[in-house]
Amino acid sequence: MNCKLMIRKALTAGTSAALIATSSLVIFANPGRTAGELIVSGISENGNAAHVIVNGEEAKSGRSVFSPSTITTPEGTNAVLNLGKAGKVQLSANSTIALSFDDSSINGNLTSGSITVINSAAPVEVKTLAGDTVKLNAGETADAASGNASKQTTAGGVTSKWWLYTLIFGGAAVGIILATKDSGSVSPVR
């Protein structure tokens, strides 16, 4: 009888300890922070994979970026920040921005270079070197030096560099025509 009582007390104590331990983990859990994904493109100075500087550390494509962060793009490197529901922004080469964001808004302090809003849930507020706060919508760009927002000319999602696309597709068409041109000779393999 004494053995059964000891086993019952041990099981009760173990179950109580497990319950207390797991409930304390739930109490200490905090809601997740909003994170963004960094996509880096370009060529680095030494020929290695392109990188940017996030909060003083070298970062490559695929890194998570949390709010607030300071992001610097070196010469020849662009960065796109996919911030989930808040939107997507692009930093040009030689840009530095202190960026803060949550699920519904993006704010930044642009000290060099330029930022372009690809899409956003709400207008993106960017403070420039001139001290002006510029509100950017999708397709608009802010430059740190000028403090103005400029809208890129788009037609159906294609930028105003239509002539570049014309040259590419025209060259492809000429290549296809030349490749299929009948030379009059018969193939030796039948």
C-alpha atoms as a PDB file:
ATOM      1  CA  MET A   1       0.000   0.000   0.000  1.00  0.00           C
ATOM      2  CA  ASN A   2       2.790   2.376   0.870  1.00  0.00           C
ATOM      3  CA  CYS A   3       4.425   1.665  -2.532  1.00  0.00           C
ATOM      4  CA  LYS A   4       1.215   2.555  -4.440  1.00  0.00           C
ATOM      5  CA  LEU A   5       0.949   5.841  -2.544  1.00  0.00           C
ATOM      6  CA  MET A   6       4.572   6.725  -3.366  1.00  0.00           C
ATOM      7  CA  ILE A   7       4.000   5.981  -7.077  1.00  0.00           C
ATOM      8  CA  ARG A   8       0.812   8.082  -7.112  1.00  0.00           C
ATOM      9  CA  LYS A   9       2.592  11.019  -5.428  1.00  0.00           C
ATOM     10  CA  ALA A  10       5.548  10.758  -7.854  1.00  0.00           C
ATOM     11  CA  LEU A  11       3.214  10.741 -10.896  1.00  0.00           C
ATOM     12  CA  THR A  12       1.261  13.692  -9.513  1.00  0.00           C
ATOM     13  CA  ALA A  13       4.440  15.665  -8.836  1.00  0.00           C
ATOM     14  CA  GLY A  14       5.873  14.847 -12.300  1.00  0.00           C
ATOM     15  CA  THR A  15       2.638  15.812 -14.062  1.00  0.00           C
ATOM     16  CA  SER A  16       2.430  19.063 -12.079  1.00  0.00           C
ATOM     17  CA  ALA A  17       6.043  19.940 -12.917  1.00  0.00           C
ATOM     18  CA  ALA A  18       5.455  19.252 -16.631  1.00  0.00           C
ATOM     19  CA  LEU A  19       2.299  21.381 -16.624  1.00  0.00           C
ATOM     20  CA  ILE A  20       4.062  24.298 -14.914  1.00  0.00           C
ATOM     21  CA  ALA A  21       7.073  24.082 -17.239  1.00  0.00           C
ATOM     22  CA  THR A  22       5.018  24.083 -20.445  1.00  0.00           C
ATOM     23  CA  SER A  23       2.589  26.787 -19.327  1.00  0.00           C
ATOM     24  CA  SER A  24       5.493  29.104 -18.498  1.00  0.00           C
ATOM     25  CA  LEU A  25       6.773  28.719 -22.079  1.00  0.00           C
ATOM     26  CA  VAL A  26       3.415  29.895 -23.383  1.00  0.00           C
ATOM     27  CA  ILE A  27       3.461  32.895 -21.070  1.00  0.00           C
ATOM     28  CA  PHE A  28       6.954  33.967 -22.189  1.00  0.00           C
ATOM     29  CA  ALA A  29       6.276  33.537 -25.915  1.00  0.00           C
ATOM     30  CA  ASN A  30       5.905  36.872 -27.676  1.00  0.00           C
ATOM     31  CA  PRO A  31       4.222  37.554 -30.993  1.00  0.00           C
ATOM     32  CA  GLY A  32       6.542  37.134 -33.981  1.00  0.00           C
ATOM     33  CA  ARG A  33       8.352  40.135 -35.373  1.00  0.00           C
ATOM     34  CA  THR A  34       7.712  41.145 -38.938  1.00  0.00           C
ATOM     35  CA  ALA A  35      10.567  40.038 -41.148  1.00  0.00           C
ATOM     36  CA  GLY A  36      11.483  40.871 -44.716  1.00  0.00           C
ATOM     37  CA  GLU A  37      13.507  38.953 -47.288  1.00  0.00           C
ATOM     38  CA  LEU A  38      16.594  40.469 -48.879  1.00  0.00           C
ATOM     39  CA  ILE A  39      17.297  39.828 -52.584  1.00  0.00           C
ATOM     40  CA  VAL A  40      20.686  41.123 -53.762  1.00  0.00           C
ATOM     41  CA  SER A  41      21.694  41.526 -57.414  1.00  0.00           C
ATOM     42  CA  GLY A  42      24.738  42.926 -59.154  1.00  0.00           C
ATOM     43  CA  ILE A  43      28.460  42.352 -59.222  1.00  0.00           C
ATOM     44  CA  SER A  44      30.752  42.855 -56.252  1.00  0.00           C
ATOM     45  CA  GLU A  45      34.056  44.678 -56.605  1.00  0.00           C
ATOM     46  CA  ASN A  46      36.172  41.530 -56.131  1.00  0.00           C
ATOM     47  CA  GLY A  47      34.071  39.241 -58.343  1.00  0.00           C
ATOM     48  CA  ASN A  48      32.456  37.309 -55.470  1.00  0.00           C
ATOM     49  CA  ALA A  49      28.718  37.030 -54.913  1.00  0.00           C
ATOM     50  CA  ALA A  50      27.068  40.416 -54.526  1.00  0.00           C
ATOM     51  CA  HIS A  51      26.299  41.531 -50.973  1.00  0.00           C
ATOM     52  CA  VAL A  52      24.933  44.492 -49.042  1.00  0.00           C
ATOM     53  CA  ILE A  53      25.566  45.704 -45.493  1.00  0.00           C
ATOM     54  CA  VAL A  54      22.710  45.197 -42.993  1.00  0.00           C
ATOM     55  CA  ASN A  55      23.294  46.721 -39.562  1.00  0.00           C
ATOM     56  CA  GLY A  56      27.048  46.641 -40.140  1.00  0.00           C
ATOM     57  CA  GLU A  57      27.172  43.002 -41.277  1.00  0.00           C
ATOM     58  CA  GLU A  58      27.672  41.627 -44.778  1.00  0.00           C
ATOM     59  CA  ALA A  59      24.428  40.083 -46.090  1.00  0.00           C
ATOM     60  CA  LYS A  60      23.632  38.092 -49.233  1.00  0.00           C
ATOM     61  CA  SER A  61      20.377  37.108 -50.930  1.00  0.00           C
ATOM     62  CA  GLY A  62      17.900  35.201 -48.807  1.00  0.00           C
ATOM     63  CA  ARG A  63      18.748  36.854 -45.504  1.00  0.00           C
ATOM     64  CA  SER A  64      15.917  37.901 -43.217  1.00  0.00           C
ATOM     65  CA  VAL A  65      15.751  41.579 -42.353  1.00  0.00           C
ATOM     66  CA  PHE A  66      13.971  42.782 -39.222  1.00  0.00           C
ATOM     67  CA  SER A  67      12.656  46.206 -38.332  1.00  0.00           C
ATOM     68  CA  PRO A  68      14.459  48.541 -37.722  1.00  0.00           C
ATOM     69  CA  SER A  69      17.512  47.956 -39.942  1.00  0.00           C
ATOM     70  CA  THR A  70      20.094  50.084 -41.695  1.00  0.00           C
ATOM     71  CA  ILE A  71      20.856  48.817 -45.201  1.00  0.00           C
ATOM     72  CA  THR A  72      23.748  49.987 -47.395  1.00  0.00           C
ATOM     73  CA  THR A  73      24.257  48.916 -51.014  1.00  0.00           C
ATOM     74  CA  PRO A  74      27.798  49.184 -52.426  1.00  0.00           C
ATOM     75  CA  GLU A  75      28.812  50.207 -55.952  1.00  0.00           C
ATOM     76  CA  GLY A  76      27.270  47.961 -58.630  1.00  0.00           C
ATOM     77  CA  THR A  77      24.827  46.242 -56.260  1.00  0.00           C
ATOM     78  CA  ASN A  78      21.048  46.639 -55.990  1.00  0.00           C
ATOM     79  CA  ALA A  79      18.804  45.200 -53.297  1.00  0.00           C
ATOM     80  CA  VAL A  80      15.106  44.346 -53.256  1.00  0.00           C
ATOM     81  CA  LEU A  81      13.405  44.027 -49.887  1.00  0.00           C
ATOM     82  CA  ASN A  82      10.284  41.886 -49.884  1.00  0.00           C
ATOM     83  CA  LEU A  83       8.466  42.956 -46.731  1.00  0.00           C
ATOM     84  CA  GLY A  84       5.467  40.650 -47.057  1.00  0.00           C
ATOM     85  CA  LYS A  85       2.078  42.341 -46.746  1.00  0.00           C
ATOM     86  CA  ALA A  86       3.698  45.762 -46.280  1.00  0.00           C
ATOM     87  CA  GLY A  87       5.185  45.720 -49.790  1.00  0.00           C
ATOM     88  CA  LYS A  88       8.389  45.533 -51.776  1.00  0.00           C
ATOM     89  CA  VAL A  89      11.055  48.227 -52.252  1.00  0.00           C
ATOM     90  CA  GLN A  90      14.256  48.422 -54.293  1.00  0.00           C
ATOM     91  CA  LEU A  91      17.463  50.202 -53.279  1.00  0.00           C
ATOM     92  CA  SER A  92      19.779  51.366 -56.059  1.00  0.00           C
ATOM     93  CA  ALA A  93      23.565  51.078 -55.905  1.00  0.00           C
ATOM     94  CA  ASN A  94      25.351  53.364 -53.414  1.00  0.00           C
ATOM     95  CA  SER A  95      22.257  53.779 -51.232  1.00  0.00           C
ATOM     96  CA  THR A  96      21.878  53.875 -47.465  1.00  0.00           C
ATOM     97  CA  ILE A  97      18.534  53.773 -45.658  1.00  0.00           C
ATOM     98  CA  ALA A  98      17.412  53.277 -42.076  1.00  0.00           C
ATOM     99  CA  LEU A  99      14.250  51.247 -42.621  1.00  0.00           C
ATOM    100  CA  SER A 100      11.419  50.422 -40.238  1.00  0.00           C
ATOM    101  CA  PHE A 101       8.307  48.466 -41.150  1.00  0.00           C
ATOM    102  CA  ASP A 102       5.403  46.431 -39.836  1.00  0.00           C
ATOM    103  CA  ASP A 103       2.626  44.421 -41.494  1.00  0.00           C
ATOM    104  CA  SER A 104       0.976  47.481 -43.014  1.00  0.00           C
ATOM    105  CA  SER A 105       3.529  50.287 -43.420  1.00  0.00           C
ATOM    106  CA  ILE A 106       7.091  51.072 -44.473  1.00  0.00           C
ATOM    107  CA  ASN A 107       9.101  54.100 -43.289  1.00  0.00           C
ATOM    108  CA  GLY A 108      12.672  55.061 -43.978  1.00  0.00           C
ATOM    109  CA  ASN A 109      15.394  57.668 -43.587  1.00  0.00           C
ATOM    110  CA  LEU A 110      17.298  57.798 -46.898  1.00  0.00           C
ATOM    111  CA  THR A 111      20.794  59.276 -46.501  1.00  0.00           C
ATOM    112  CA  SER A 112      22.247  58.386 -49.912  1.00  0.00           C
ATOM    113  CA  GLY A 113      21.168  56.921 -53.237  1.00  0.00           C
ATOM    114  CA  SER A 114      17.567  56.226 -54.161  1.00  0.00           C
ATOM    115  CA  ILE A 115      14.664  53.949 -53.297  1.00  0.00           C
ATOM    116  CA  THR A 116      11.904  52.720 -55.606  1.00  0.00           C
ATOM    117  CA  VAL A 117       8.606  51.326 -54.363  1.00  0.00           C
ATOM    118  CA  ILE A 118       7.668  48.218 -56.329  1.00  0.00           C
ATOM    119  CA  ASN A 119       4.384  47.695 -54.468  1.00  0.00           C
ATOM    120  CA  SER A 120       3.011  48.592 -51.059  1.00  0.00           C
ATOM    121  CA  ALA A 121      -0.087  48.302 -48.911  1.00  0.00           C
ATOM    122  CA  ALA A 122       0.107  52.012 -48.028  1.00  0.00           C
ATOM    123  CA  PRO A 123       2.240  54.929 -49.233  1.00  0.00           C
ATOM    124  CA  VAL A 124       5.882  54.516 -48.189  1.00  0.00           C
ATOM    125  CA  GLU A 125       7.165  57.466 -46.148  1.00  0.00           C
ATOM    126  CA  VAL A 126      10.800  58.346 -46.846  1.00  0.00           C
ATOM    127  CA  LYS A 127      12.725  61.166 -45.170  1.00  0.00           C
ATOM    128  CA  THR A 128      15.482  62.576 -47.401  1.00  0.00           C
ATOM    129  CA  LEU A 129      18.688  64.523 -46.673  1.00  0.00           C
ATOM    130  CA  ALA A 130      16.812  67.770 -47.250  1.00  0.00           C
ATOM    131  CA  GLY A 131      14.600  66.885 -44.277  1.00  0.00           C
ATOM    132  CA  ASP A 132      11.511  66.472 -46.449  1.00  0.00           C
ATOM    133  CA  THR A 133       9.253  63.473 -45.941  1.00  0.00           C
ATOM    134  CA  VAL A 134       8.130  62.072 -49.272  1.00  0.00           C
ATOM    135  CA  LYS A 135       5.180  59.671 -49.628  1.00  0.00           C
ATOM    136  CA  LEU A 136       5.799  57.145 -52.394  1.00  0.00           C
ATOM    137  CA  ASN A 137       3.276  54.916 -54.121  1.00  0.00           C
ATOM    138  CA  ALA A 138       4.019  51.922 -56.336  1.00  0.00           C
ATOM    139  CA  GLY A 139       6.332  52.837 -59.228  1.00  0.00           C
ATOM    140  CA  GLU A 140       7.663  56.013 -57.606  1.00  0.00           C
ATOM    141  CA  THR A 141      11.286  56.742 -56.734  1.00  0.00           C
ATOM    142  CA  ALA A 142      12.843  59.055 -54.150  1.00  0.00           C
ATOM    143  CA  ASP A 143      16.394  60.365 -54.367  1.00  0.00           C
ATOM    144  CA  ALA A 144      18.256  61.295 -51.178  1.00  0.00           C
ATOM    145  CA  ALA A 145      19.843  64.424 -52.632  1.00  0.00           C
ATOM    146  CA  SER A 146      16.839  65.956 -54.401  1.00  0.00           C
ATOM    147  CA  GLY A 147      14.128  65.143 -51.903  1.00  0.00           C
ATOM    148  CA  ASN A 148      11.628  64.766 -54.727  1.00  0.00           C
ATOM    149  CA  ALA A 149       9.561  61.790 -55.764  1.00  0.00           C
ATOM    150  CA  SER A 150       9.487  60.850 -59.415  1.00  0.00           C
ATOM    151  CA  LYS A 151       7.147  58.424 -61.054  1.00  0.00           C
ATOM    152  CA  GLN A 152       8.560  55.933 -63.517  1.00  0.00           C
ATOM    153  CA  THR A 153       6.680  55.891 -66.797  1.00  0.00           C
ATOM    154  CA  THR A 154       5.068  52.510 -67.209  1.00  0.00           C
ATOM    155  CA  ALA A 155       2.715  51.072 -69.772  1.00  0.00           C
ATOM    156  CA  GLY A 156       1.208  47.752 -68.748  1.00  0.00           C
ATOM    157  CA  GLY A 157       4.032  47.017 -66.325  1.00  0.00           C
ATOM    158  CA  VAL A 158       6.820  47.614 -68.902  1.00  0.00           C
ATOM    159  CA  THR A 159       9.183  50.493 -68.182  1.00  0.00           C
ATOM    160  CA  SER A 160       9.826  53.298 -70.644  1.00  0.00           C
ATOM    161  CA  LYS A 161      12.872  51.467 -72.048  1.00  0.00           C
ATOM    162  CA  TRP A 162      10.701  49.800 -74.686  1.00  0.00           C
ATOM    163  CA  TRP A 163      13.445  50.134 -77.284  1.00  0.00           C
ATOM    164  CA  LEU A 164      15.627  47.692 -75.325  1.00  0.00           C
ATOM    165  CA  TYR A 165      12.923  45.043 -75.456  1.00  0.00           C
ATOM    166  CA  THR A 166      12.429  45.737 -79.170  1.00  0.00           C
ATOM    167  CA  LEU A 167      16.117  45.105 -79.866  1.00  0.00           C
ATOM    168  CA  ILE A 168      16.117  41.868 -77.882  1.00  0.00           C
ATOM    169  CA  PHE A 169      13.018  40.440 -79.561  1.00  0.00           C
ATOM    170  CA  GLY A 170      14.088  41.711 -82.982  1.00  0.00           C
ATOM    171  CA  GLY A 171      17.484  40.022 -82.621  1.00  0.00           C
ATOM    172  CA  ALA A 172      15.795  36.790 -81.577  1.00  0.00           C
ATOM    173  CA  ALA A 173      13.499  36.922 -84.622  1.00  0.00           C
ATOM    174  CA  VAL A 174      16.461  37.477 -86.987  1.00  0.00           C
ATOM    175  CA  GLY A 175      18.310  34.564 -85.357  1.00  0.00           C
ATOM    176  CA  ILE A 176      15.336  32.254 -85.860  1.00  0.00           C
ATOM    177  CA  ILE A 177      14.937  33.305 -89.495  1.00  0.00           C
ATOM    178  CA  LEU A 178      18.628  32.724 -90.236  1.00  0.00           C
ATOM    179  CA  ALA A 179      18.632  29.365 -88.453  1.00  0.00           C
ATOM    180  CA  THR A 180      15.660  28.072 -90.416  1.00  0.00           C
ATOM    181  CA  LYS A 181      16.741  29.446 -93.789  1.00  0.00           C
ATOM    182  CA  ASP A 182      17.024  26.667 -96.409  1.00  0.00           C
ATOM    183  CA  SER A 183      20.601  26.543 -97.680  1.00  0.00           C
ATOM    184  CA  GLY A 184      19.764  24.123-100.514  1.00  0.00           C
ATOM    185  CA  SER A 185      22.067  21.392 -99.278  1.00  0.00           C
ATOM    186  CA  VAL A 186      20.817  17.994 -98.213  1.00  0.00           C
ATOM    187  CA  SER A 187      21.656  16.697 -94.811  1.00  0.00           C
ATOM    188  CA  PRO A 188      24.032  13.695 -94.863  1.00  0.00           C
ATOM    189  CA  VAL A 189      22.084  12.098 -92.034  1.00  0.00           C
ATOM    190  CA  ARG A 190      18.761  10.717 -93.185  1.00  0.00           C
END
